[in-house]
Amino acid sequence: MGLKDMSKRDILVNVAVFIGFIILCMGGGGIMGAITRNDFGDRSEWYTALIKPSFNPPNYLFGIVWPILYLLMAIAAFAVWTKTGLTKEPIPLVIFFIQLALNFIWTLIFGKAKDLLAAFVEIVFLLFFIVLTMVFFFRVKGRAWTPILLLPYLAWVSFATALNWSLYTLNKEEE
């Protein structure tokens, strides 16, 4: 169904849902960032004291990358929603919401609990659910392209997994 075939009500619903996905993804990430802003980077005595691997990125990079990734996730989820809704074929979005929750929870385990091993275990589950989300998004008729939007997210979380493991192994004596 093209835009010109949609009623004003349908257009408003689509706009509202799209904004909802943006608020959920970017707003949730922003809330996690606000809750843990003193637990990462230069503001955190604990984080600055960690022994870092040579491939540890500069702190400012996280604030650039995550909003882009959250926006791409919101676009992909919205595109899938336009074909599945929440009731017609709920599994792809249920899996998406699980991975999003795991994404937010990792921030709390790593930043607030300062438990590098538990954060590593959790991020491995997150990686699994990102791949599962991509598989289920790919299977949605007319939305096989949506996993492409999640590739940068998968790459970044894969990198974060390696970073998390390195931080754990370099600092396990400290825990």
Protein backbone atom coordinates (compact mmCIF):
# COMPACT_ATOMS: atom_id res chain seq x y z
CA MET A 1 0.00 0.00 0.00
CA GLY A 2 1.49 3.29 -1.09
CA LEU A 3 1.21 6.56 0.80
CA LYS A 4 -1.39 7.92 -1.65
CA ASP A 5 -3.56 4.83 -0.98
CA MET A 6 -3.59 5.40 2.78
CA SER A 7 -6.25 7.25 4.72
CA LYS A 8 -5.25 10.21 6.88
CA ARG A 9 -5.89 8.04 9.94
CA ASP A 10 -3.53 5.32 8.64
CA ILE A 11 -0.87 7.92 7.90
CA LEU A 12 -1.20 9.35 11.42
CA VAL A 13 -1.01 5.87 12.96
CA ASN A 14 2.13 5.11 10.95
CA VAL A 15 3.74 8.41 11.94
CA ALA A 16 2.86 7.81 15.60
CA VAL A 17 4.25 4.26 15.55
CA PHE A 18 7.44 5.42 13.81
CA ILE A 19 7.92 8.13 16.44
CA GLY A 20 7.20 5.50 19.10
CA PHE A 21 9.96 3.25 17.79
CA ILE A 22 12.37 6.19 17.72
CA ILE A 23 11.45 7.16 21.28
CA LEU A 24 11.74 3.56 22.46
CA CYS A 25 15.13 2.93 20.85
CA MET A 26 16.81 6.31 21.12
CA GLY A 27 15.00 7.40 24.27
CA GLY A 28 15.75 4.11 26.00
CA GLY A 29 19.39 4.39 25.00
CA GLY A 30 19.42 8.00 26.19
CA ILE A 31 17.91 7.02 29.55
CA MET A 32 20.51 4.27 29.98
CA GLY A 33 23.21 6.79 29.09
CA ALA A 34 21.85 9.27 31.64
CA ILE A 35 21.57 6.63 34.36
CA THR A 36 25.15 5.47 33.79
CA ARG A 37 26.79 8.71 32.66
CA ASN A 38 29.12 8.69 35.67
CA ASP A 39 29.94 4.98 35.24
CA PHE A 40 31.71 5.19 31.87
CA GLY A 41 34.45 7.33 30.39
CA ASP A 42 36.41 10.04 32.14
CA ARG A 43 33.68 10.64 34.74
CA SER A 44 34.15 7.19 36.21
CA GLU A 45 37.07 6.51 38.51
CA TRP A 46 36.36 2.77 38.12
CA TYR A 47 36.28 2.87 34.31
CA THR A 48 39.38 5.05 33.96
CA ALA A 49 41.28 2.70 36.31
CA LEU A 50 40.52 -0.35 34.13
CA ILE A 51 43.38 -1.73 32.10
CA LYS A 52 42.23 -1.26 28.50
CA PRO A 53 43.19 -3.27 25.41
CA SER A 54 45.00 -1.50 22.59
CA PHE A 55 41.82 -1.48 20.48
CA ASN A 56 39.74 0.37 23.09
CA PRO A 57 38.06 3.25 21.22
CA PRO A 58 38.09 6.83 22.51
CA ASN A 59 35.20 7.56 24.88
CA TYR A 60 33.59 10.18 22.61
CA LEU A 61 33.02 7.57 19.89
CA PHE A 62 30.31 5.80 21.89
CA GLY A 63 28.21 8.97 21.96
CA ILE A 64 28.43 9.21 18.17
CA VAL A 65 27.85 5.56 17.29
CA TRP A 66 24.95 4.62 19.58
CA PRO A 67 22.42 7.23 18.42
CA ILE A 68 23.02 6.15 14.81
CA LEU A 69 22.56 2.49 15.72
CA TYR A 70 19.39 3.20 17.70
CA LEU A 71 17.96 5.16 14.78
CA LEU A 72 18.71 2.31 12.36
CA MET A 73 17.07 -0.17 14.76
CA ALA A 74 13.97 2.02 14.99
CA ILE A 75 13.70 2.29 11.20
CA ALA A 76 14.09 -1.49 10.75
CA ALA A 77 11.54 -2.29 13.48
CA PHE A 78 9.05 0.20 12.07
CA ALA A 79 9.45 -1.23 8.57
CA VAL A 80 8.73 -4.71 9.91
CA TRP A 81 5.78 -3.41 11.94
CA THR A 82 4.21 -2.01 8.76
CA LYS A 83 3.98 -5.59 7.47
CA THR A 84 3.37 -7.56 10.68
CA GLY A 85 1.83 -5.23 13.22
CA LEU A 86 2.03 -6.48 16.78
CA THR A 87 -0.72 -9.08 16.46
CA LYS A 88 -0.69 -10.41 12.88
CA GLU A 89 2.85 -11.84 13.13
CA PRO A 90 4.27 -10.84 16.53
CA ILE A 91 7.40 -13.03 16.74
CA PRO A 92 9.83 -10.75 14.80
CA LEU A 93 9.02 -7.73 16.98
CA VAL A 94 8.91 -9.74 20.21
CA ILE A 95 12.46 -10.90 19.47
CA PHE A 96 13.41 -7.33 18.58
CA PHE A 97 12.07 -6.09 21.94
CA ILE A 98 13.98 -8.84 23.77
CA GLN A 99 17.26 -7.84 22.14
CA LEU A 100 16.55 -4.17 22.86
CA ALA A 101 15.94 -4.98 26.54
CA LEU A 102 19.18 -7.00 26.62
CA ASN A 103 20.96 -4.01 25.08
CA PHE A 104 19.72 -1.73 27.86
CA ILE A 105 20.39 -4.30 30.61
CA TRP A 106 24.01 -4.73 29.51
CA THR A 107 24.62 -1.05 30.27
CA LEU A 108 23.43 -1.56 33.84
CA ILE A 109 25.40 -4.77 34.41
CA PHE A 110 28.61 -3.30 33.04
CA GLY A 111 28.27 0.29 34.23
CA LYS A 112 26.28 0.16 37.47
CA ALA A 113 27.09 -3.35 38.74
CA LYS A 114 30.63 -3.13 37.36
CA ASP A 115 30.54 -6.88 36.75
CA LEU A 116 32.64 -7.48 33.65
CA LEU A 117 32.09 -11.25 33.53
CA ALA A 118 28.30 -11.02 33.93
CA ALA A 119 28.28 -8.24 31.31
CA PHE A 120 30.21 -10.51 28.94
CA VAL A 121 27.77 -13.40 29.43
CA GLU A 122 24.85 -11.03 28.89
CA ILE A 123 26.33 -9.49 25.73
CA VAL A 124 26.75 -12.96 24.23
CA PHE A 125 22.99 -13.46 24.71
CA LEU A 126 22.46 -10.03 23.16
CA LEU A 127 24.50 -11.03 20.10
CA PHE A 128 22.41 -14.19 19.74
CA PHE A 129 19.17 -12.18 19.88
CA ILE A 130 20.48 -9.59 17.39
CA VAL A 131 21.17 -12.39 14.89
CA LEU A 132 17.78 -13.95 15.67
CA THR A 133 16.11 -10.57 15.09
CA MET A 134 17.87 -10.28 11.75
CA VAL A 135 16.75 -13.78 10.73
CA PHE A 136 13.12 -13.11 11.66
CA PHE A 137 13.13 -9.67 10.04
CA PHE A 138 14.52 -11.24 6.87
CA ARG A 139 11.60 -13.70 6.79
CA VAL A 140 8.98 -10.93 6.80
CA LYS A 141 7.52 -10.76 3.30
CA GLY A 142 8.53 -7.52 1.64
CA ARG A 143 11.02 -6.63 4.39
CA ALA A 144 13.98 -8.89 3.63
CA TRP A 145 16.12 -5.73 3.36
CA THR A 146 15.65 -4.73 7.02
CA PRO A 147 18.53 -6.86 8.41
CA ILE A 148 20.90 -4.70 6.35
CA LEU A 149 20.02 -1.81 8.67
CA LEU A 150 21.05 -3.98 11.63
CA LEU A 151 24.46 -4.96 10.24
CA PRO A 152 26.27 -1.94 11.77
CA TYR A 153 24.63 -2.78 15.11
CA LEU A 154 25.73 -6.42 14.86
CA ALA A 155 29.26 -5.30 13.97
CA TRP A 156 29.42 -2.81 16.84
CA VAL A 157 28.08 -5.27 19.43
CA SER A 158 30.49 -7.93 18.14
CA PHE A 159 33.30 -5.42 18.68
CA ALA A 160 31.86 -4.55 22.11
CA THR A 161 31.80 -8.25 22.98
CA ALA A 162 35.51 -8.58 22.17
CA LEU A 163 36.18 -5.39 24.11
CA ASN A 164 34.13 -6.59 27.09
CA TRP A 165 36.01 -9.92 27.15
CA SER A 166 39.35 -8.13 26.91
CA LEU A 167 38.44 -5.79 29.75
CA TYR A 168 37.42 -8.79 31.86
CA THR A 169 40.60 -10.78 31.17
CA LEU A 170 42.88 -7.76 31.70
CA ASN A 171 41.15 -6.78 34.96
CA LYS A 172 39.89 -10.04 36.50
CA GLU A 173 42.42 -9.74 39.34
CA GLU A 174 40.73 -6.46 40.31
CA GLU A 175 37.19 -7.91 40.60
